[in-house]
Structure formats: C-alpha cells, structure tokens
Amino acid sequence: MKILFLKRKIYPEQPINWEGEHLLECTHSFNRRSKKYYLMYCDVLKKMPNARLKIRVYGRLYNSIQGERIRYVDADQVCSVAKWNISKNV
C-alpha cells in the first residue's frame, strides 16, 4: 500500500476577515497529466442538507487573497487548519 502525500501551495498572507478555522482543498488541471494542488482560505457559512457546505472563499487560486465569493462545495473538500499545521495570524 502506497501513501501519497500531496504538497499544496497556499498564499502566505492571510485575509483579514478569515475566521482561521477552515481551508478549501483545490486542484487546478492544466491538462490530463498536469495538475496544481493548492489551498484557499475559507469560512463555513452553512451546512446544506445534501452533504454540501456553503462557504465564503477568499482570493483567487493560490496567488491572491483579494476579494471573496460564496461557493457551494462538497463537504470533503473543506478541511480543518490543524490538518495542515496552519494557524491564524493575530
């Protein structure tokens, strides 16, 4: 059994309004064989009845924290900051 550890990129600065509890695990596909794995700062707003979450995502891809958007995602795409040893800067 192989254990695969994915390296994910995250923007070094944190959004001001971020609650500091959750991250969104994302994948950007360039083609069939090339993918970029990254994390985005997010806040969970509501749990939906169909195993999805309503979240506020900060920034765009892995290169910005400017702006925020509301998204509906599968619950398994959102993880705790403890999984990645990231803490909120005060």
Protein backbone atom coordinates (compact mmCIF):
# COMPACT_ATOMS: atom_id res chain seq x y z
CA MET A 1 0.00 0.00 0.00
CA LYS A 2 1.41 3.37 -1.05
CA ILE A 3 0.74 6.50 0.97
CA LEU A 4 0.64 9.61 -1.16
CA PHE A 5 1.37 12.95 0.48
CA LEU A 6 0.32 15.86 -1.67
CA LYS A 7 2.15 19.13 -1.42
CA ARG A 8 -0.29 22.00 -1.60
CA LYS A 9 0.53 25.66 -2.10
CA ILE A 10 -1.16 28.43 -0.11
CA TYR A 11 -0.84 32.21 -0.30
CA PRO A 12 1.49 33.30 2.55
CA GLU A 13 -0.62 36.25 3.73
CA GLN A 14 -3.98 35.64 5.38
CA PRO A 15 -7.23 37.53 4.71
CA ILE A 16 -8.24 39.99 7.43
CA ASN A 17 -11.81 38.68 7.78
CA TRP A 18 -10.85 34.97 7.78
CA GLU A 19 -12.04 33.16 10.93
CA GLY A 20 -8.99 30.88 10.93
CA GLU A 21 -10.75 27.51 11.13
CA HIS A 22 -11.10 26.03 7.62
CA LEU A 23 -9.27 25.63 4.32
CA LEU A 24 -10.56 24.61 0.91
CA GLU A 25 -8.51 21.89 -0.83
CA CYS A 26 -8.41 22.67 -4.56
CA THR A 27 -6.99 21.20 -7.77
CA HIS A 28 -6.33 23.12 -10.97
CA SER A 29 -5.96 20.89 -14.04
CA PHE A 30 -3.80 22.20 -16.88
CA ASN A 31 -4.24 19.06 -18.99
CA ARG A 32 -4.69 15.30 -18.45
CA ARG A 33 -1.32 14.82 -16.79
CA SER A 34 -0.54 18.16 -15.17
CA LYS A 35 -2.29 19.40 -12.05
CA LYS A 36 -1.62 22.03 -9.41
CA TYR A 37 -2.78 21.32 -5.85
CA TYR A 38 -3.40 24.29 -3.59
CA LEU A 39 -5.32 25.53 -0.54
CA MET A 40 -7.61 28.53 -0.19
CA TYR A 41 -8.76 30.29 2.95
CA CYS A 42 -12.48 29.82 3.59
CA ASP A 43 -15.19 30.16 6.24
CA VAL A 44 -18.08 27.71 6.54
CA LEU A 45 -21.35 29.66 6.50
CA LYS A 46 -23.91 26.86 6.49
CA LYS A 47 -24.26 23.09 6.23
CA MET A 48 -26.66 22.17 3.45
CA PRO A 49 -28.94 19.09 3.62
CA ASN A 50 -27.25 17.31 0.68
CA ALA A 51 -23.79 16.86 2.30
CA ARG A 52 -22.55 20.13 0.85
CA LEU A 53 -21.33 23.31 2.50
CA LYS A 54 -21.98 26.95 1.79
CA ILE A 55 -18.62 28.69 2.20
CA ARG A 56 -17.00 32.08 1.75
CA VAL A 57 -13.73 31.71 -0.20
CA TYR A 58 -11.06 34.39 -0.09
CA GLY A 59 -8.92 35.23 -3.12
CA ARG A 60 -8.42 33.59 -6.48
CA LEU A 61 -6.48 30.37 -6.97
CA TYR A 62 -3.22 30.28 -4.96
CA ASN A 63 -1.84 33.69 -5.90
CA SER A 64 -4.16 36.21 -4.22
CA ILE A 65 -6.34 36.90 -1.18
CA GLN A 66 -8.12 39.85 -2.77
CA GLY A 67 -11.90 39.55 -2.90
CA GLU A 68 -14.27 36.92 -1.61
CA ARG A 69 -17.00 34.73 -3.10
CA ILE A 70 -19.76 32.47 -1.87
CA ARG A 71 -19.46 28.87 -3.12
CA TYR A 72 -21.29 25.60 -2.57
CA VAL A 73 -18.85 22.67 -2.31
CA ASP A 74 -18.78 19.03 -1.22
CA ALA A 75 -18.02 18.71 2.48
CA ASP A 76 -14.92 16.58 1.86
CA GLN A 77 -13.19 19.49 0.07
CA VAL A 78 -13.12 21.58 3.25
CA CYS A 79 -10.64 20.67 5.99
CA SER A 80 -9.54 21.98 9.34
CA VAL A 81 -6.42 24.17 9.56
CA ALA A 82 -4.97 21.64 12.02
CA LYS A 83 -4.54 19.13 9.16
CA TRP A 84 -2.02 21.45 7.51
CA ASN A 85 -0.48 22.97 10.69
CA ILE A 86 -1.62 26.47 9.81
CA SER A 87 -2.73 28.95 12.44
CA LYS A 88 -4.38 32.33 12.16
CA ASN A 89 -2.01 35.29 12.45
CA VAL A 90 -3.23 37.76 15.02
